PDB file of N, CA and C in Angstrom:
ATOM      1  N   MET A   1     137.835  70.109 110.809  1.00  0.00           N
ATOM      2  CA  MET A   1     139.032  70.701 110.249  1.00  0.00           C
ATOM      3  C   MET A   1     138.815  72.169 109.902  1.00  0.00           C
ATOM      4  N   ASN A   2     137.638  72.508 109.453  1.00  0.00           N
ATOM      5  CA  ASN A   2     137.334  73.886 109.087  1.00  0.00           C
ATOM      6  C   ASN A   2     137.422  74.810 110.301  1.00  0.00           C
ATOM      7  N   LYS A   3     136.974  74.344 111.465  1.00  0.00           N
ATOM      8  CA  LYS A   3     137.044  75.156 112.684  1.00  0.00           C
ATOM      9  C   LYS A   3     138.487  75.412 113.067  1.00  0.00           C
ATOM     10  N   GLN A   4     139.342  74.396 112.926  1.00  0.00           N
ATOM     11  CA  GLN A   4     140.764  74.568 113.231  1.00  0.00           C
ATOM     12  C   GLN A   4     141.391  75.587 112.290  1.00  0.00           C
ATOM     13  N   ARG A   5     141.029  75.496 111.025  1.00  0.00           N
ATOM     14  CA  ARG A   5     141.571  76.436 110.037  1.00  0.00           C
ATOM     15  C   ARG A   5     141.142  77.862 110.360  1.00  0.00           C
ATOM     16  N   LYS A   6     139.883  78.030 110.773  1.00  0.00           N
ATOM     17  CA  LYS A   6     139.379  79.356 111.114  1.00  0.00           C
ATOM     18  C   LYS A   6     140.120  79.918 112.326  1.00  0.00           C
ATOM     19  N   ILE A   7     140.367  79.077 113.324  1.00  0.00           N
ATOM     20  CA  ILE A   7     141.104  79.521 114.505  1.00  0.00           C
ATOM     21  C   ILE A   7     142.518  79.940 114.122  1.00  0.00           C
ATOM     22  N   LEU A   8     143.183  79.142 113.314  1.00  0.00           N
ATOM     23  CA  LEU A   8     144.542  79.478 112.882  1.00  0.00           C
ATOM     24  C   LEU A   8     144.572  80.774 112.078  1.00  0.00           C
ATOM     25  N   THR A   9     143.575  80.956 111.221  1.00  0.00           N
ATOM     26  CA  THR A   9     143.496  82.194 110.438  1.00  0.00           C
ATOM     27  C   THR A   9     143.311  83.398 111.348  1.00  0.00           C
ATOM     28  N   LEU A  10     142.390  83.293 112.305  1.00  0.00           N
ATOM     29  CA  LEU A  10     142.169  84.395 113.240  1.00  0.00           C
ATOM     30  C   LEU A  10     143.434  84.711 114.027  1.00  0.00           C
ATOM     31  N   ILE A  11     144.122  83.674 114.490  1.00  0.00           N
ATOM     32  CA  ILE A  11     145.345  83.880 115.270  1.00  0.00           C
ATOM     33  C   ILE A  11     146.413  84.588 114.437  1.00  0.00           C
ATOM     34  N   THR A  12     146.612  84.153 113.209  1.00  0.00           N
ATOM     35  CA  THR A  12     147.645  84.791 112.380  1.00  0.00           C
ATOM     36  C   THR A  12     147.259  86.225 112.011  1.00  0.00           C
ATOM     37  N   GLU A  13     145.973  86.479 111.780  1.00  0.00           N
ATOM     38  CA  GLU A  13     145.536  87.835 111.451  1.00  0.00           C
ATOM     39  C   GLU A  13     145.689  88.763 112.657  1.00  0.00           C
ATOM     40  N   ILE A  14     145.327  88.293 113.838  1.00  0.00           N
ATOM     41  CA  ILE A  14     145.475  89.101 115.056  1.00  0.00           C
ATOM     42  C   ILE A  14     146.958  89.374 115.307  1.00  0.00           C
ATOM     43  N   SER A  15     147.762  88.347 115.156  1.00  0.00           N
ATOM     44  CA  SER A  15     149.202  88.482 115.363  1.00  0.00           C
ATOM     45  C   SER A  15     149.789  89.551 114.443  1.00  0.00           C
ATOM     46  N   SER A  16     149.400  89.509 113.197  1.00  0.00           N
ATOM     47  CA  SER A  16     149.900  90.479 112.227  1.00  0.00           C
ATOM     48  C   SER A  16     149.378  91.881 112.519  1.00  0.00           C
ATOM     49  N   ARG A  17     148.106  91.984 112.791  1.00  0.00           N
ATOM     50  CA  ARG A  17     147.480  93.291 113.018  1.00  0.00           C
ATOM     51  C   ARG A  17     147.992  93.970 114.279  1.00  0.00           C
ATOM     52  N   GLU A  18     148.163  93.184 115.339  1.00  0.00           N
ATOM     53  CA  GLU A  18     148.588  93.748 116.619  1.00  0.00           C
ATOM     54  C   GLU A  18     150.103  93.716 116.809  1.00  0.00           C
ATOM     55  N   GLU A  19     150.795  93.185 115.803  1.00  0.00           N
ATOM     56  CA  GLU A  19     152.251  93.098 115.821  1.00  0.00           C
ATOM     57  C   GLU A  19     152.767  92.378 117.069  1.00  0.00           C
ATOM     58  N   ILE A  20     152.172  91.221 117.331  1.00  0.00           N
ATOM     59  CA  ILE A  20     152.629  90.354 118.410  1.00  0.00           C
ATOM     60  C   ILE A  20     152.878  88.977 117.816  1.00  0.00           C
ATOM     61  N   SER A  21     153.666  88.196 118.495  1.00  0.00           N
ATOM     62  CA  SER A  21     153.944  86.862 117.957  1.00  0.00           C
ATOM     63  C   SER A  21     152.750  85.941 118.200  1.00  0.00           C
ATOM     64  N   VAL A  22     152.637  84.936 117.366  1.00  0.00           N
ATOM     65  CA  VAL A  22     151.585  83.934 117.533  1.00  0.00           C
ATOM     66  C   VAL A  22     151.725  83.275 118.897  1.00  0.00           C
ATOM     67  N   GLN A  23     152.949  83.012 119.284  1.00  0.00           N
ATOM     68  CA  GLN A  23     153.205  82.378 120.575  1.00  0.00           C
ATOM     69  C   GLN A  23     152.718  83.253 121.732  1.00  0.00           C
ATOM     70  N   ASP A  24     152.955  84.564 121.649  1.00  0.00           N
ATOM     71  CA  ASP A  24     152.476  85.463 122.706  1.00  0.00           C
ATOM     72  C   ASP A  24     150.955  85.465 122.780  1.00  0.00           C
ATOM     73  N   LEU A  25     150.311  85.413 121.636  1.00  0.00           N
ATOM     74  CA  LEU A  25     148.851  85.381 121.604  1.00  0.00           C
ATOM     75  C   LEU A  25     148.324  84.088 122.219  1.00  0.00           C
ATOM     76  N   ILE A  26     148.909  82.979 121.829  1.00  0.00           N
ATOM     77  CA  ILE A  26     148.468  81.681 122.345  1.00  0.00           C
ATOM     78  C   ILE A  26     148.749  81.550 123.840  1.00  0.00           C
ATOM     79  N   ASN A  27     149.849  82.133 124.289  1.00  0.00           N
ATOM     80  CA  ASN A  27     150.227  82.039 125.700  1.00  0.00           C
ATOM     81  C   ASN A  27     149.586  83.105 126.580  1.00  0.00           C
ATOM     82  N   ALA A  28     148.754  83.956 125.993  1.00  0.00           N
ATOM     83  CA  ALA A  28     148.080  84.989 126.780  1.00  0.00           C
ATOM     84  C   ALA A  28     147.234  84.324 127.867  1.00  0.00           C
ATOM     85  N   PRO A  29     147.214  84.899 129.066  1.00  0.00           N
ATOM     86  CA  PRO A  29     146.461  84.288 130.175  1.00  0.00           C
ATOM     87  C   PRO A  29     144.997  84.006 129.856  1.00  0.00           C
ATOM     88  N   VAL A  30     144.340  84.894 129.135  1.00  0.00           N
ATOM     89  CA  VAL A  30     142.923  84.684 128.825  1.00  0.00           C
ATOM     90  C   VAL A  30     142.733  83.438 127.954  1.00  0.00           C
ATOM     91  N   VAL A  31     143.637  83.230 127.019  1.00  0.00           N
ATOM     92  CA  VAL A  31     143.553  82.052 126.142  1.00  0.00           C
ATOM     93  C   VAL A  31     143.873  80.797 126.941  1.00  0.00           C
ATOM     94  N   GLN A  32     144.918  80.856 127.742  1.00  0.00           N
ATOM     95  CA  GLN A  32     145.304  79.696 128.541  1.00  0.00           C
ATOM     96  C   GLN A  32     144.220  79.315 129.540  1.00  0.00           C
ATOM     97  N   ASP A  33     143.549  80.316 130.116  1.00  0.00           N
ATOM     98  CA  ASP A  33     142.449  80.030 131.056  1.00  0.00           C
ATOM     99  C   ASP A  33     141.306  79.296 130.359  1.00  0.00           C
ATOM    100  N   MET A  34     140.998  79.697 129.129  1.00  0.00           N
ATOM    101  CA  MET A  34     139.933  79.028 128.374  1.00  0.00           C
ATOM    102  C   MET A  34     140.293  77.578 128.094  1.00  0.00           C
ATOM    103  N   VAL A  35     141.504  77.372 127.634  1.00  0.00           N
ATOM    104  CA  VAL A  35     141.945  76.033 127.245  1.00  0.00           C
ATOM    105  C   VAL A  35     142.056  75.109 128.459  1.00  0.00           C
ATOM    106  N   ALA A  36     142.431  75.665 129.597  1.00  0.00           N
ATOM    107  CA  ALA A  36     142.659  74.841 130.786  1.00  0.00           C
ATOM    108  C   ALA A  36     141.415  74.678 131.659  1.00  0.00           C
ATOM    109  N   ASP A  37     140.313  75.314 131.303  1.00  0.00           N
ATOM    110  CA  ASP A  37     139.099  75.268 132.130  1.00  0.00           C
ATOM    111  C   ASP A  37     138.554  73.836 132.204  1.00  0.00           C
ATOM    112  N   PRO A  38     138.606  73.226 133.393  1.00  0.00           N
ATOM    113  CA  PRO A  38     138.137  71.842 133.511  1.00  0.00           C
ATOM    114  C   PRO A  38     136.615  71.703 133.442  1.00  0.00           C
ATOM    115  N   GLU A  39     135.900  72.803 133.561  1.00  0.00           N
ATOM    116  CA  GLU A  39     134.436  72.777 133.522  1.00  0.00           C
ATOM    117  C   GLU A  39     133.890  72.658 132.097  1.00  0.00           C
ATOM    118  N   LEU A  40     134.739  72.968 131.123  1.00  0.00           N
ATOM    119  CA  LEU A  40     134.284  72.985 129.734  1.00  0.00           C
ATOM    120  C   LEU A  40     134.760  71.760 128.979  1.00  0.00           C
ATOM    121  N   GLY A  41     133.908  71.277 128.091  1.00  0.00           N
ATOM    122  CA  GLY A  41     134.282  70.192 127.197  1.00  0.00           C
ATOM    123  C   GLY A  41     135.051  70.740 126.010  1.00  0.00           C
ATOM    124  N   ARG A  42     135.537  69.860 125.172  1.00  0.00           N
ATOM    125  CA  ARG A  42     136.344  70.265 124.014  1.00  0.00           C
ATOM    126  C   ARG A  42     135.567  71.203 123.093  1.00  0.00           C
ATOM    127  N   ASN A  43     134.328  70.871 122.783  1.00  0.00           N
ATOM    128  CA  ASN A  43     133.527  71.717 121.888  1.00  0.00           C
ATOM    129  C   ASN A  43     133.248  73.079 122.495  1.00  0.00           C
ATOM    130  N   GLN A  44     133.005  73.115 123.798  1.00  0.00           N
ATOM    131  CA  GLN A  44     132.758  74.393 124.468  1.00  0.00           C
ATOM    132  C   GLN A  44     134.012  75.261 124.473  1.00  0.00           C
ATOM    133  N   LYS A  45     135.161  74.632 124.716  1.00  0.00           N
ATOM    134  CA  LYS A  45     136.423  75.381 124.694  1.00  0.00           C
ATOM    135  C   LYS A  45     136.682  75.953 123.306  1.00  0.00           C
ATOM    136  N   THR A  46     136.435  75.139 122.283  1.00  0.00           N
ATOM    137  CA  THR A  46     136.649  75.588 120.911  1.00  0.00           C
ATOM    138  C   THR A  46     135.728  76.756 120.581  1.00  0.00           C
ATOM    139  N   ALA A  47     134.469  76.640 120.951  1.00  0.00           N
ATOM    140  CA  ALA A  47     133.503  77.713 120.672  1.00  0.00           C
ATOM    141  C   ALA A  47     133.882  78.995 121.412  1.00  0.00           C
ATOM    142  N   LYS A  48     134.271  78.864 122.656  1.00  0.00           N
ATOM    143  CA  LYS A  48     134.651  80.030 123.458  1.00  0.00           C
ATOM    144  C   LYS A  48     135.903  80.696 122.887  1.00  0.00           C
ATOM    145  N   LEU A  49     136.879  79.887 122.471  1.00  0.00           N
ATOM    146  CA  LEU A  49     138.105  80.423 121.892  1.00  0.00           C
ATOM    147  C   LEU A  49     137.809  81.128 120.568  1.00  0.00           C
ATOM    148  N   ARG A  50     136.998  80.516 119.710  1.00  0.00           N
ATOM    149  CA  ARG A  50     136.647  81.156 118.437  1.00  0.00           C
ATOM    150  C   ARG A  50     135.912  82.469 118.668  1.00  0.00           C
ATOM    151  N   PHE A  51     135.006  82.492 119.646  1.00  0.00           N
ATOM    152  CA  PHE A  51     134.263  83.714 119.952  1.00  0.00           C
ATOM    153  C   PHE A  51     135.216  84.816 120.419  1.00  0.00           C
ATOM    154  N   TYR A  52     136.133  84.466 121.316  1.00  0.00           N
ATOM    155  CA  TYR A  52     137.107  85.432 121.815  1.00  0.00           C
ATOM    156  C   TYR A  52     137.971  85.976 120.679  1.00  0.00           C
ATOM    157  N   LEU A  53     138.493  85.076 119.851  1.00  0.00           N
ATOM    158  CA  LEU A  53     139.348  85.498 118.748  1.00  0.00           C
ATOM    159  C   LEU A  53     138.583  86.352 117.743  1.00  0.00           C
ATOM    160  N   LYS A  54     137.337  85.994 117.479  1.00  0.00           N
ATOM    161  CA  LYS A  54     136.524  86.785 116.547  1.00  0.00           C
ATOM    162  C   LYS A  54     136.313  88.191 117.103  1.00  0.00           C
ATOM    163  N   GLN A  55     136.025  88.296 118.398  1.00  0.00           N
ATOM    164  CA  GLN A  55     135.841  89.614 119.007  1.00  0.00           C
ATOM    165  C   GLN A  55     137.124  90.437 118.943  1.00  0.00           C
ATOM    166  N   ARG A  56     138.232  89.779 119.160  1.00  0.00           N
ATOM    167  CA  ARG A  56     139.514  90.484 119.138  1.00  0.00           C
ATOM    168  C   ARG A  56     139.905  90.881 117.715  1.00  0.00           C
ATOM    169  N   ARG A  57     139.591  90.048 116.741  1.00  0.00           N
ATOM    170  CA  ARG A  57     139.948  90.329 115.347  1.00  0.00           C
ATOM    171  C   ARG A  57     139.007  91.339 114.711  1.00  0.00           C
ATOM    172  N   TYR A  58     137.713  91.251 115.023  1.00  0.00           N
ATOM    173  CA  TYR A  58     136.709  92.111 114.408  1.00  0.00           C
ATOM    174  C   TYR A  58     135.906  92.859 115.476  1.00  0.00           C
ATOM    175  N   PRO A  59     136.529  93.756 116.223  1.00  0.00           N
ATOM    176  CA  PRO A  59     135.806  94.422 117.321  1.00  0.00           C
ATOM    177  C   PRO A  59     134.609  95.261 116.859  1.00  0.00           C
ATOM    178  N   ALA A  60     134.733  95.930 115.734  1.00  0.00           N
ATOM    179  CA  ALA A  60     133.630  96.776 115.261  1.00  0.00           C
ATOM    180  C   ALA A  60     132.434  95.932 114.831  1.00  0.00           C
ATOM    181  N   ILE A  61     132.694  94.837 114.146  1.00  0.00           N
ATOM    182  CA  ILE A  61     131.610  93.960 113.712  1.00  0.00           C
ATOM    183  C   ILE A  61     130.906  93.357 114.924  1.00  0.00           C
ATOM    184  N   CYS A  62     131.672  92.903 115.891  1.00  0.00           N
ATOM    185  CA  CYS A  62     131.082  92.294 117.087  1.00  0.00           C
ATOM    186  C   CYS A  62     130.262  93.305 117.877  1.00  0.00           C
ATOM    187  N   LYS A  63     130.756  94.541 117.938  1.00  0.00           N
ATOM    188  CA  LYS A  63     130.006  95.597 118.633  1.00  0.00           C
ATOM    189  C   LYS A  63     128.685  95.864 117.910  1.00  0.00           C
ATOM    190  N   ALA A  64     128.721  95.914 116.589  1.00  0.00           N
ATOM    191  CA  ALA A  64     127.505  96.142 115.810  1.00  0.00           C
ATOM    192  C   ALA A  64     126.519  94.984 115.989  1.00  0.00           C
ATOM    193  N   GLU A  65     127.025  93.761 116.037  1.00  0.00           N
ATOM    194  CA  GLU A  65     126.147  92.600 116.252  1.00  0.00           C
ATOM    195  C   GLU A  65     125.473  92.672 117.620  1.00  0.00           C
ATOM    196  N   LYS A  66     126.221  93.075 118.646  1.00  0.00           N
ATOM    197  CA  LYS A  66     125.647  93.201 119.986  1.00  0.00           C
ATOM    198  C   LYS A  66     124.567  94.279 120.017  1.00  0.00           C
ATOM    199  N   GLU A  67     124.836  95.407 119.364  1.00  0.00           N
ATOM    200  CA  GLU A  67     123.846  96.480 119.302  1.00  0.00           C
ATOM    201  C   GLU A  67     122.591  96.030 118.571  1.00  0.00           C
ATOM    202  N   PHE A  68     122.776  95.303 117.499  1.00  0.00           N
ATOM    203  CA  PHE A  68     121.640  94.799 116.738  1.00  0.00           C
ATOM    204  C   PHE A  68     120.790  93.880 117.616  1.00  0.00           C
ATOM    205  N   GLU A  69     121.440  92.955 118.309  1.00  0.00           N
ATOM    206  CA  GLU A  69     120.710  92.025 119.180  1.00  0.00           C
ATOM    207  C   GLU A  69     119.994  92.771 120.302  1.00  0.00           C
ATOM    208  N   LYS A  70     120.629  93.799 120.833  1.00  0.00           N
ATOM    209  CA  LYS A  70     120.040  94.565 121.926  1.00  0.00           C
ATOM    210  C   LYS A  70     118.801  95.330 121.459  1.00  0.00           C
ATOM    211  N   ASN A  71     118.852  95.836 120.241  1.00  0.00           N
ATOM    212  CA  ASN A  71     117.760  96.668 119.724  1.00  0.00           C
ATOM    213  C   ASN A  71     116.729  95.898 118.907  1.00  0.00           C
ATOM    214  N   LYS A  72     116.957  94.612 118.744  1.00  0.00           N
ATOM    215  CA  LYS A  72     116.046  93.799 117.939  1.00  0.00           C
ATOM    216  C   LYS A  72     114.690  93.719 118.631  1.00  0.00           C
ATOM    217  N   MET A  73     113.667  93.791 117.836  1.00  0.00           N
ATOM    218  CA  MET A  73     112.310  93.684 118.367  1.00  0.00           C
ATOM    219  C   MET A  73     112.098  92.273 118.897  1.00  0.00           C
ATOM    220  N   PRO A  74     111.423  92.165 120.004  1.00  0.00           N
ATOM    221  CA  PRO A  74     111.145  90.818 120.509  1.00  0.00           C
ATOM    222  C   PRO A  74     110.240  90.074 119.535  1.00  0.00           C
ATOM    223  N   GLU A  75     110.466  88.795 119.469  1.00  0.00           N
ATOM    224  CA  GLU A  75     109.663  87.967 118.567  1.00  0.00           C
ATOM    225  C   GLU A  75     108.234  87.919 119.092  1.00  0.00           C
ATOM    226  N   THR A  76     107.315  88.193 118.204  1.00  0.00           N
ATOM    227  CA  THR A  76     105.913  88.128 118.603  1.00  0.00           C
ATOM    228  C   THR A  76     105.274  86.928 117.936  1.00  0.00           C
ATOM    229  N   ARG A  77     104.401  86.344 118.654  1.00  0.00           N
ATOM    230  CA  ARG A  77     103.679  85.193 118.099  1.00  0.00           C
ATOM    231  C   ARG A  77     102.200  85.546 118.055  1.00  0.00           C
ATOM    232  N   ILE A  78     101.681  85.506 116.888  1.00  0.00           N
ATOM    233  CA  ILE A  78     100.263  85.788 116.699  1.00  0.00           C
ATOM    234  C   ILE A  78      99.560  84.452 116.576  1.00  0.00           C
ATOM    235  N   ARG A  79      98.584  84.278 117.382  1.00  0.00           N
ATOM    236  CA  ARG A  79      97.830  83.024 117.343  1.00  0.00           C
ATOM    237  C   ARG A  79      96.444  83.304 116.796  1.00  0.00           C
ATOM    238  N   TYR A  80      96.067  82.505 115.866  1.00  0.00           N
ATOM    239  CA  TYR A  80      94.760  82.621 115.269  1.00  0.00           C
ATOM    240  C   TYR A  80      93.899  81.505 115.845  1.00  0.00           C
ATOM    241  N   GLN A  81      92.784  81.907 116.392  1.00  0.00           N
ATOM    242  CA  GLN A  81      91.885  80.928 116.952  1.00  0.00           C
ATOM    243  C   GLN A  81      90.537  81.111 116.262  1.00  0.00           C
ATOM    244  N   SER A  82      90.120  80.074 115.596  1.00  0.00           N
ATOM    245  CA  SER A  82      88.854  80.185 114.890  1.00  0.00           C
ATOM    246  C   SER A  82      87.698  80.111 115.892  1.00  0.00           C
ATOM    247  N   SER A  83      86.665  80.848 115.562  1.00  0.00           N
ATOM    248  CA  SER A  83      85.485  80.814 116.428  1.00  0.00           C
ATOM    249  C   SER A  83      84.500  79.781 115.889  1.00  0.00           C
ATOM    250  N   PRO A  84      83.694  79.239 116.743  1.00  0.00           N
ATOM    251  CA  PRO A  84      82.721  78.241 116.266  1.00  0.00           C
ATOM    252  C   PRO A  84      81.784  78.864 115.231  1.00  0.00           C
ATOM    253  N   ALA A  85      81.400  78.095 114.289  1.00  0.00           N
ATOM    254  CA  ALA A  85      80.501  78.570 113.246  1.00  0.00           C
ATOM    255  C   ALA A  85      79.144  78.899 113.855  1.00  0.00           C
ATOM    256  N   THR A  86      78.624  79.986 113.450  1.00  0.00           N
ATOM    257  CA  THR A  86      77.290  80.375 113.956  1.00  0.00           C
ATOM    258  C   THR A  86      76.250  80.066 112.897  1.00  0.00           C
ATOM    259  N   SER A  87      75.138  79.541 113.336  1.00  0.00           N
ATOM    260  CA  SER A  87      74.071  79.227 112.389  1.00  0.00           C
ATOM    261  C   SER A  87      73.064  80.356 112.379  1.00  0.00           C
ATOM    262  N   LEU A  88      72.497  80.634 111.233  1.00  0.00           N
ATOM    263  CA  LEU A  88      71.510  81.692 111.097  1.00  0.00           C
ATOM    264  C   LEU A  88      70.128  81.172 111.057  1.00  0.00           C
TER     265      LEU A  88
END
């Protein structure tokens, strides 16, 4: 239910900000293509739609997140290997 609420909130905020009707937003070809994609399951469609709406609602934040991911240092793994004990 929370995911549905988030989608509805994003849709109403985009509609208000861009001064378009909710119906026009929902009927946009890009949205309809996502919903009608037979290759995707319900969860994948929901995730893709939320991602699209988030990018459209918060373009600056999404751009900053992409830049951060692009410039992030690669994860390094340091492995410690003990050496055999030496006798004196």
